[in-house]
Amino acid sequence: MPIKRSSTSWFCILTGILLFGCSAPIEHIPLPQGIQEVSGYLAPAELSLVRRGTHLLLKEGRERYLVESKHIALRPFEGKEVMVRGLLESNVDPTFLPVLVVQEIEEKSDPWKKVSIEPLGLTLDIPPIMSQSSSSKNYGAPCGGTAGILCPLGFYCEITDFKEGIGRCVKL
């Protein structure tokens, strides 16, 4: 009986070595050296005990870098588009995003804009990436037609398609 237990133990050990020995090592891409200039939106990161970085730098809606600074307060720049200059360092765990250690940060001069859509009575804040466009000064919501869509108070329906009875709301 002791011989059987010993052979089972050796079988388990060898199988474990074989399984874990066959996994491919993770290749880590080396970080660029020297001062880097990166732009994006700065957002607060969740607090963590296992990684570095107090903020996230978002570019095109994706998380690109964790950001930290011992000397510069980053909180006033949260939610704004910024240009960050600093050094890239590996995080505690190389599988986490790299950390951009801030040496200099400045807000880009393209703030959010307020846009008013009068026919609907809405006022929106839009990011600088988006812009309001219109083909004419008398932009308005559609009105008329078989559904009988009415314009809001202070507007009238200017018919643009007499056959269908469709138009757009225009301010009085």
Protein backbone atom coordinates (compact mmCIF):
# COMPACT_ATOMS: atom_id res chain seq x y z
CA MET A 1 0.00 0.00 0.00
CA PRO A 2 2.76 2.55 0.77
CA ILE A 3 4.21 2.03 -2.71
CA LYS A 4 0.90 2.96 -4.33
CA ARG A 5 0.58 6.17 -2.28
CA SER A 6 4.12 7.19 -3.23
CA SER A 7 3.55 6.64 -6.94
CA THR A 8 0.30 8.67 -6.78
CA SER A 9 2.15 11.54 -5.10
CA TRP A 10 4.89 11.49 -7.73
CA PHE A 11 2.29 11.40 -10.49
CA CYS A 12 0.53 14.50 -9.05
CA ILE A 13 3.80 16.41 -8.65
CA LEU A 14 4.99 15.62 -12.19
CA THR A 15 1.58 16.49 -13.67
CA GLY A 16 1.62 19.83 -11.83
CA ILE A 17 5.12 20.65 -13.08
CA LEU A 18 4.14 19.69 -16.61
CA LEU A 19 0.96 21.82 -16.58
CA PHE A 20 2.51 24.94 -15.03
CA GLY A 21 5.72 24.60 -17.00
CA CYS A 22 3.90 24.76 -20.34
CA SER A 23 2.45 28.23 -19.88
CA ALA A 24 4.10 30.95 -21.95
CA PRO A 25 5.75 33.83 -20.11
CA ILE A 26 4.03 37.21 -20.36
CA GLU A 27 6.03 39.61 -22.51
CA HIS A 28 6.16 43.15 -21.15
CA ILE A 29 6.53 46.01 -23.59
CA PRO A 30 9.31 48.38 -22.49
CA LEU A 31 8.13 51.88 -21.58
CA PRO A 32 9.48 54.91 -23.45
CA GLN A 33 12.33 56.67 -21.67
CA GLY A 34 12.56 60.39 -20.94
CA ILE A 35 9.90 63.04 -20.50
CA GLN A 36 6.62 62.24 -22.27
CA GLU A 37 3.92 64.72 -23.34
CA VAL A 38 0.45 63.19 -23.29
CA SER A 39 -2.96 64.82 -23.64
CA GLY A 40 -6.35 63.50 -22.59
CA TYR A 41 -9.11 63.81 -20.01
CA LEU A 42 -8.14 63.45 -16.36
CA ALA A 43 -10.50 61.38 -14.18
CA PRO A 44 -10.17 60.19 -10.58
CA ALA A 45 -9.15 56.55 -10.16
CA GLU A 46 -10.49 54.19 -7.52
CA LEU A 47 -8.29 53.97 -4.46
CA SER A 48 -6.18 50.83 -4.40
CA LEU A 49 -3.66 49.25 -2.07
CA VAL A 50 -2.18 47.06 -4.82
CA ARG A 51 -1.35 49.59 -7.55
CA ARG A 52 -0.03 53.12 -8.02
CA GLY A 53 -1.88 56.09 -9.48
CA THR A 54 -4.52 58.47 -8.12
CA HIS A 55 -6.02 59.48 -11.47
CA LEU A 56 -6.65 58.06 -14.94
CA LEU A 57 -5.73 59.73 -18.21
CA LEU A 58 -8.40 58.92 -20.82
CA LYS A 59 -7.79 59.31 -24.52
CA GLU A 60 -10.53 58.59 -27.06
CA GLY A 61 -12.64 57.14 -24.24
CA ARG A 62 -10.04 54.53 -23.25
CA GLU A 63 -7.90 54.39 -20.12
CA ARG A 64 -4.30 55.00 -21.23
CA TYR A 65 -2.28 55.78 -18.09
CA LEU A 66 -2.57 55.97 -14.34
CA VAL A 67 -1.36 59.39 -13.19
CA GLU A 68 0.19 60.51 -9.90
CA SER A 69 2.15 63.40 -8.45
CA LYS A 70 3.67 64.07 -5.05
CA HIS A 71 4.06 67.81 -5.68
CA ILE A 72 1.17 68.91 -7.92
CA ALA A 73 -2.50 68.78 -6.88
CA LEU A 74 -4.35 66.94 -9.64
CA ARG A 75 -7.89 67.33 -8.25
CA PRO A 76 -8.49 70.82 -9.82
CA PHE A 77 -7.89 69.25 -13.26
CA GLU A 78 -10.44 66.40 -12.86
CA GLY A 79 -12.94 66.20 -15.73
CA LYS A 80 -10.88 68.52 -17.91
CA GLU A 81 -8.78 68.01 -20.99
CA VAL A 82 -5.15 68.40 -20.00
CA MET A 83 -1.62 68.22 -21.36
CA VAL A 84 0.63 66.25 -18.98
CA ARG A 85 4.42 66.15 -19.04
CA GLY A 86 6.21 63.54 -16.99
CA LEU A 87 8.03 60.24 -16.78
CA LEU A 88 6.45 56.84 -17.42
CA GLU A 89 7.14 54.15 -14.82
CA SER A 90 5.97 50.57 -14.46
CA ASN A 91 3.23 49.93 -11.94
CA VAL A 92 3.67 47.61 -8.95
CA ASP A 93 2.25 44.80 -11.08
CA PRO A 94 3.38 45.11 -14.72
CA THR A 95 -0.05 43.94 -15.91
CA PHE A 96 -1.59 47.20 -14.60
CA LEU A 97 -1.53 50.40 -16.64
CA PRO A 98 1.79 52.27 -16.54
CA VAL A 99 2.07 55.27 -14.22
CA LEU A 100 2.73 58.76 -15.57
CA VAL A 101 4.54 60.69 -12.82
CA VAL A 102 3.52 64.31 -13.42
CA GLN A 103 6.17 67.00 -13.60
CA GLU A 104 3.94 69.59 -15.28
CA ILE A 105 0.24 69.76 -16.11
CA GLU A 106 -1.83 72.39 -17.90
CA GLU A 107 -5.47 72.61 -18.85
CA LYS A 108 -6.25 72.77 -22.54
CA SER A 109 -8.18 75.88 -23.49
CA ASP A 110 -11.18 74.13 -25.03
CA PRO A 111 -13.79 74.16 -22.22
CA TRP A 112 -17.22 72.59 -22.34
CA LYS A 113 -19.85 74.75 -24.02
CA LYS A 114 -23.51 75.41 -23.25
CA VAL A 115 -25.87 74.79 -26.16
CA SER A 116 -29.51 75.81 -26.09
CA ILE A 117 -32.14 74.00 -28.17
CA GLU A 118 -34.99 76.50 -27.96
CA PRO A 119 -37.77 74.50 -29.66
CA LEU A 120 -37.39 71.78 -27.06
CA GLY A 121 -36.57 74.11 -24.16
CA LEU A 122 -33.28 72.31 -23.43
CA THR A 123 -29.86 73.58 -22.42
CA LEU A 124 -26.99 71.10 -22.69
CA ASP A 125 -23.30 71.08 -21.76
CA ILE A 126 -21.32 69.49 -24.58
CA PRO A 127 -17.65 68.47 -24.53
CA PRO A 128 -15.25 70.22 -26.90
CA ILE A 129 -15.06 67.10 -29.07
CA MET A 130 -18.66 67.67 -30.14
CA SER A 131 -20.00 70.78 -31.81
CA GLN A 132 -23.38 72.15 -32.69
CA SER A 133 -24.09 72.40 -36.39
CA SER A 134 -27.05 73.64 -38.30
CA SER A 135 -27.78 74.25 -41.95
CA SER A 136 -29.67 77.47 -41.27
CA LYS A 137 -30.35 80.04 -38.57
CA ASN A 138 -33.98 78.91 -38.30
CA TYR A 139 -33.14 75.46 -36.98
CA GLY A 140 -36.16 73.81 -35.44
CA ALA A 141 -37.81 70.58 -34.51
CA PRO A 142 -39.99 68.85 -37.12
CA CYS A 143 -43.72 69.55 -36.96
CA GLY A 144 -46.97 68.86 -38.80
CA GLY A 145 -47.42 65.75 -40.92
CA THR A 146 -49.92 62.95 -40.41
CA ALA A 147 -48.94 62.69 -36.73
CA GLY A 148 -49.96 66.32 -36.17
CA ILE A 149 -46.83 67.28 -34.24
CA LEU A 150 -47.27 70.73 -32.67
CA CYS A 151 -44.61 73.36 -31.97
CA PRO A 152 -43.94 74.58 -28.43
CA LEU A 153 -45.25 77.92 -27.17
CA GLY A 154 -43.56 80.87 -28.94
CA PHE A 155 -42.96 78.93 -32.17
CA TYR A 156 -44.96 78.27 -35.33
CA CYS A 157 -44.78 75.49 -37.91
CA GLU A 158 -43.16 76.69 -41.14
CA ILE A 159 -44.27 74.17 -43.78
CA THR A 160 -41.41 72.94 -45.98
CA ASP A 161 -43.19 70.05 -47.73
CA PHE A 162 -46.71 71.10 -48.78
CA LYS A 163 -47.59 67.66 -50.16
CA GLU A 164 -46.96 65.89 -46.81
CA GLY A 165 -47.71 68.92 -44.60
CA ILE A 166 -44.35 68.60 -42.86
CA GLY A 167 -42.38 71.58 -41.59
CA ARG A 168 -40.13 72.81 -38.83
CA CYS A 169 -40.70 74.94 -35.77
CA VAL A 170 -39.57 78.54 -36.13
CA LYS A 171 -39.46 81.18 -33.38
CA LEU A 172 -42.19 83.85 -33.60
